[in-house]
Amino acid sequence: MDDELRVELDRRLALIEDPGGADAPLPPLPWSDVVLAIAALALLSVLLVWWAL
């Protein structure tokens, strides 16, 4: 295995082992997005149940 591949593999493994680190692959979702997704799923569920009646 060449050295560049080994370094990149080690970096990615470190990201997986410490997801809260400074080099996180993605920033955490804002709470507003989480709440909006939950509300949208609830509304869609209600609409589908209403439509099925």
N, C-alpha and C. Protein backbone atom coordinates (compact mmCIF):
# COMPACT_ATOMS: atom_id res chain seq x y z
N MET A 1 0.86 -1.16 0.00
CA MET A 1 0.00 0.00 0.00
C MET A 1 0.91 1.23 0.00
N ASP A 2 0.62 2.18 -0.90
CA ASP A 2 1.51 3.34 -0.96
C ASP A 2 1.22 4.30 0.21
N ASP A 3 2.17 5.18 0.47
CA ASP A 3 2.13 6.04 1.65
C ASP A 3 0.96 7.02 1.62
N GLU A 4 0.64 7.58 0.44
CA GLU A 4 -0.47 8.53 0.36
C GLU A 4 -1.79 7.86 0.71
N LEU A 5 -1.99 6.66 0.22
CA LEU A 5 -3.21 5.92 0.51
C LEU A 5 -3.30 5.58 2.00
N ARG A 6 -2.17 5.21 2.58
CA ARG A 6 -2.14 4.88 4.02
C ARG A 6 -2.49 6.12 4.86
N VAL A 7 -1.94 7.28 4.49
CA VAL A 7 -2.22 8.52 5.23
C VAL A 7 -3.69 8.88 5.12
N GLU A 8 -4.25 8.78 3.92
CA GLU A 8 -5.67 9.10 3.73
C GLU A 8 -6.56 8.11 4.48
N LEU A 9 -6.22 6.87 4.46
CA LEU A 9 -6.98 5.86 5.19
C LEU A 9 -6.94 6.13 6.69
N ASP A 10 -5.78 6.46 7.22
CA ASP A 10 -5.66 6.78 8.64
C ASP A 10 -6.47 8.02 9.00
N ARG A 11 -6.48 9.02 8.12
CA ARG A 11 -7.26 10.24 8.37
C ARG A 11 -8.75 9.92 8.42
N ARG A 12 -9.22 9.12 7.48
CA ARG A 12 -10.64 8.76 7.45
C ARG A 12 -11.04 7.90 8.64
N LEU A 13 -10.17 6.99 9.04
CA LEU A 13 -10.46 6.18 10.23
C LEU A 13 -10.51 7.04 11.48
N ALA A 14 -9.65 8.04 11.56
CA ALA A 14 -9.68 8.95 12.71
C ALA A 14 -10.98 9.74 12.73
N LEU A 15 -11.49 10.13 11.57
CA LEU A 15 -12.78 10.84 11.50
C LEU A 15 -13.93 9.96 11.99
N ILE A 16 -13.88 8.69 11.63
CA ILE A 16 -14.94 7.77 12.05
C ILE A 16 -14.89 7.55 13.56
N GLU A 17 -13.70 7.43 14.10
CA GLU A 17 -13.55 7.16 15.53
C GLU A 17 -13.86 8.38 16.38
N ASP A 18 -13.68 9.59 15.85
CA ASP A 18 -13.94 10.82 16.60
C ASP A 18 -14.82 11.75 15.77
N PRO A 19 -16.14 11.47 15.68
CA PRO A 19 -17.00 12.27 14.81
C PRO A 19 -17.18 13.71 15.28
N GLY A 20 -16.91 14.00 16.55
CA GLY A 20 -17.08 15.35 17.05
C GLY A 20 -15.84 16.21 16.90
N GLY A 21 -14.85 15.72 16.23
CA GLY A 21 -13.59 16.45 16.10
C GLY A 21 -13.71 17.66 15.19
N ALA A 22 -12.61 18.41 15.09
CA ALA A 22 -12.60 19.64 14.30
C ALA A 22 -12.72 19.37 12.81
N ASP A 23 -12.28 18.21 12.36
CA ASP A 23 -12.30 17.88 10.94
C ASP A 23 -13.47 16.97 10.60
N ALA A 24 -14.62 17.19 11.20
CA ALA A 24 -15.79 16.35 10.94
C ALA A 24 -16.16 16.45 9.47
N PRO A 25 -16.58 15.34 8.86
CA PRO A 25 -16.89 15.35 7.43
C PRO A 25 -18.07 16.25 7.09
N LEU A 26 -19.07 16.31 7.97
CA LEU A 26 -20.23 17.16 7.74
C LEU A 26 -20.59 17.87 9.04
N PRO A 27 -21.01 19.12 8.95
CA PRO A 27 -21.43 19.79 10.17
C PRO A 27 -22.77 19.22 10.64
N PRO A 28 -23.06 19.29 11.93
CA PRO A 28 -24.33 18.77 12.42
C PRO A 28 -25.50 19.58 11.88
N LEU A 29 -26.64 18.92 11.74
CA LEU A 29 -27.84 19.62 11.25
C LEU A 29 -28.34 20.62 12.28
N PRO A 30 -28.81 21.76 11.82
CA PRO A 30 -29.43 22.71 12.75
C PRO A 30 -30.75 22.12 13.27
N TRP A 31 -31.10 22.48 14.51
CA TRP A 31 -32.32 21.95 15.12
C TRP A 31 -33.55 22.34 14.32
N SER A 32 -33.53 23.51 13.67
CA SER A 32 -34.69 23.92 12.89
C SER A 32 -34.95 22.95 11.74
N ASP A 33 -33.90 22.44 11.12
CA ASP A 33 -34.07 21.46 10.04
C ASP A 33 -34.64 20.15 10.56
N VAL A 34 -34.19 19.73 11.73
CA VAL A 34 -34.69 18.49 12.32
C VAL A 34 -36.18 18.62 12.65
N VAL A 35 -36.55 19.74 13.28
CA VAL A 35 -37.96 19.97 13.63
C VAL A 35 -38.81 20.08 12.37
N LEU A 36 -38.32 20.76 11.36
CA LEU A 36 -39.06 20.88 10.10
C LEU A 36 -39.27 19.52 9.44
N ALA A 37 -38.27 18.67 9.46
CA ALA A 37 -38.40 17.34 8.88
C ALA A 37 -39.43 16.51 9.64
N ILE A 38 -39.42 16.59 10.97
CA ILE A 38 -40.39 15.84 11.77
C ILE A 38 -41.81 16.34 11.49
N ALA A 39 -41.98 17.67 11.42
CA ALA A 39 -43.29 18.24 11.14
C ALA A 39 -43.78 17.84 9.75
N ALA A 40 -42.89 17.85 8.78
CA ALA A 40 -43.28 17.47 7.42
C ALA A 40 -43.68 16.00 7.36
N LEU A 41 -42.96 15.14 8.05
CA LEU A 41 -43.33 13.72 8.07
C LEU A 41 -44.67 13.50 8.77
N ALA A 42 -44.91 14.22 9.85
CA ALA A 42 -46.19 14.09 10.54
C ALA A 42 -47.33 14.56 9.65
N LEU A 43 -47.16 15.70 8.99
CA LEU A 43 -48.20 16.22 8.10
C LEU A 43 -48.45 15.27 6.94
N LEU A 44 -47.41 14.76 6.35
CA LEU A 44 -47.56 13.81 5.25
C LEU A 44 -48.28 12.55 5.71
N SER A 45 -47.97 12.07 6.89
CA SER A 45 -48.64 10.89 7.42
C SER A 45 -50.13 11.14 7.61
N VAL A 46 -50.48 12.30 8.17
CA VAL A 46 -51.89 12.65 8.37
C VAL A 46 -52.60 12.75 7.02
N LEU A 47 -51.99 13.39 6.06
CA LEU A 47 -52.60 13.52 4.74
C LEU A 47 -52.81 12.16 4.07
N LEU A 48 -51.85 11.28 4.20
CA LEU A 48 -51.99 9.95 3.59
C LEU A 48 -53.09 9.14 4.26
N VAL A 49 -53.22 9.23 5.58
CA VAL A 49 -54.29 8.53 6.27
C VAL A 49 -55.63 9.10 5.88
N TRP A 50 -55.73 10.43 5.80
CA TRP A 50 -56.98 11.07 5.38
C TRP A 50 -57.36 10.66 3.97
N TRP A 51 -56.37 10.61 3.07
CA TRP A 51 -56.62 10.25 1.68
C TRP A 51 -57.06 8.79 1.57
N ALA A 52 -56.55 7.94 2.45
CA ALA A 52 -56.88 6.51 2.39
C ALA A 52 -58.30 6.23 2.88
N LEU A 53 -58.88 7.15 3.65
CA LEU A 53 -60.24 6.94 4.15
C LEU A 53 -61.19 7.17 3.07
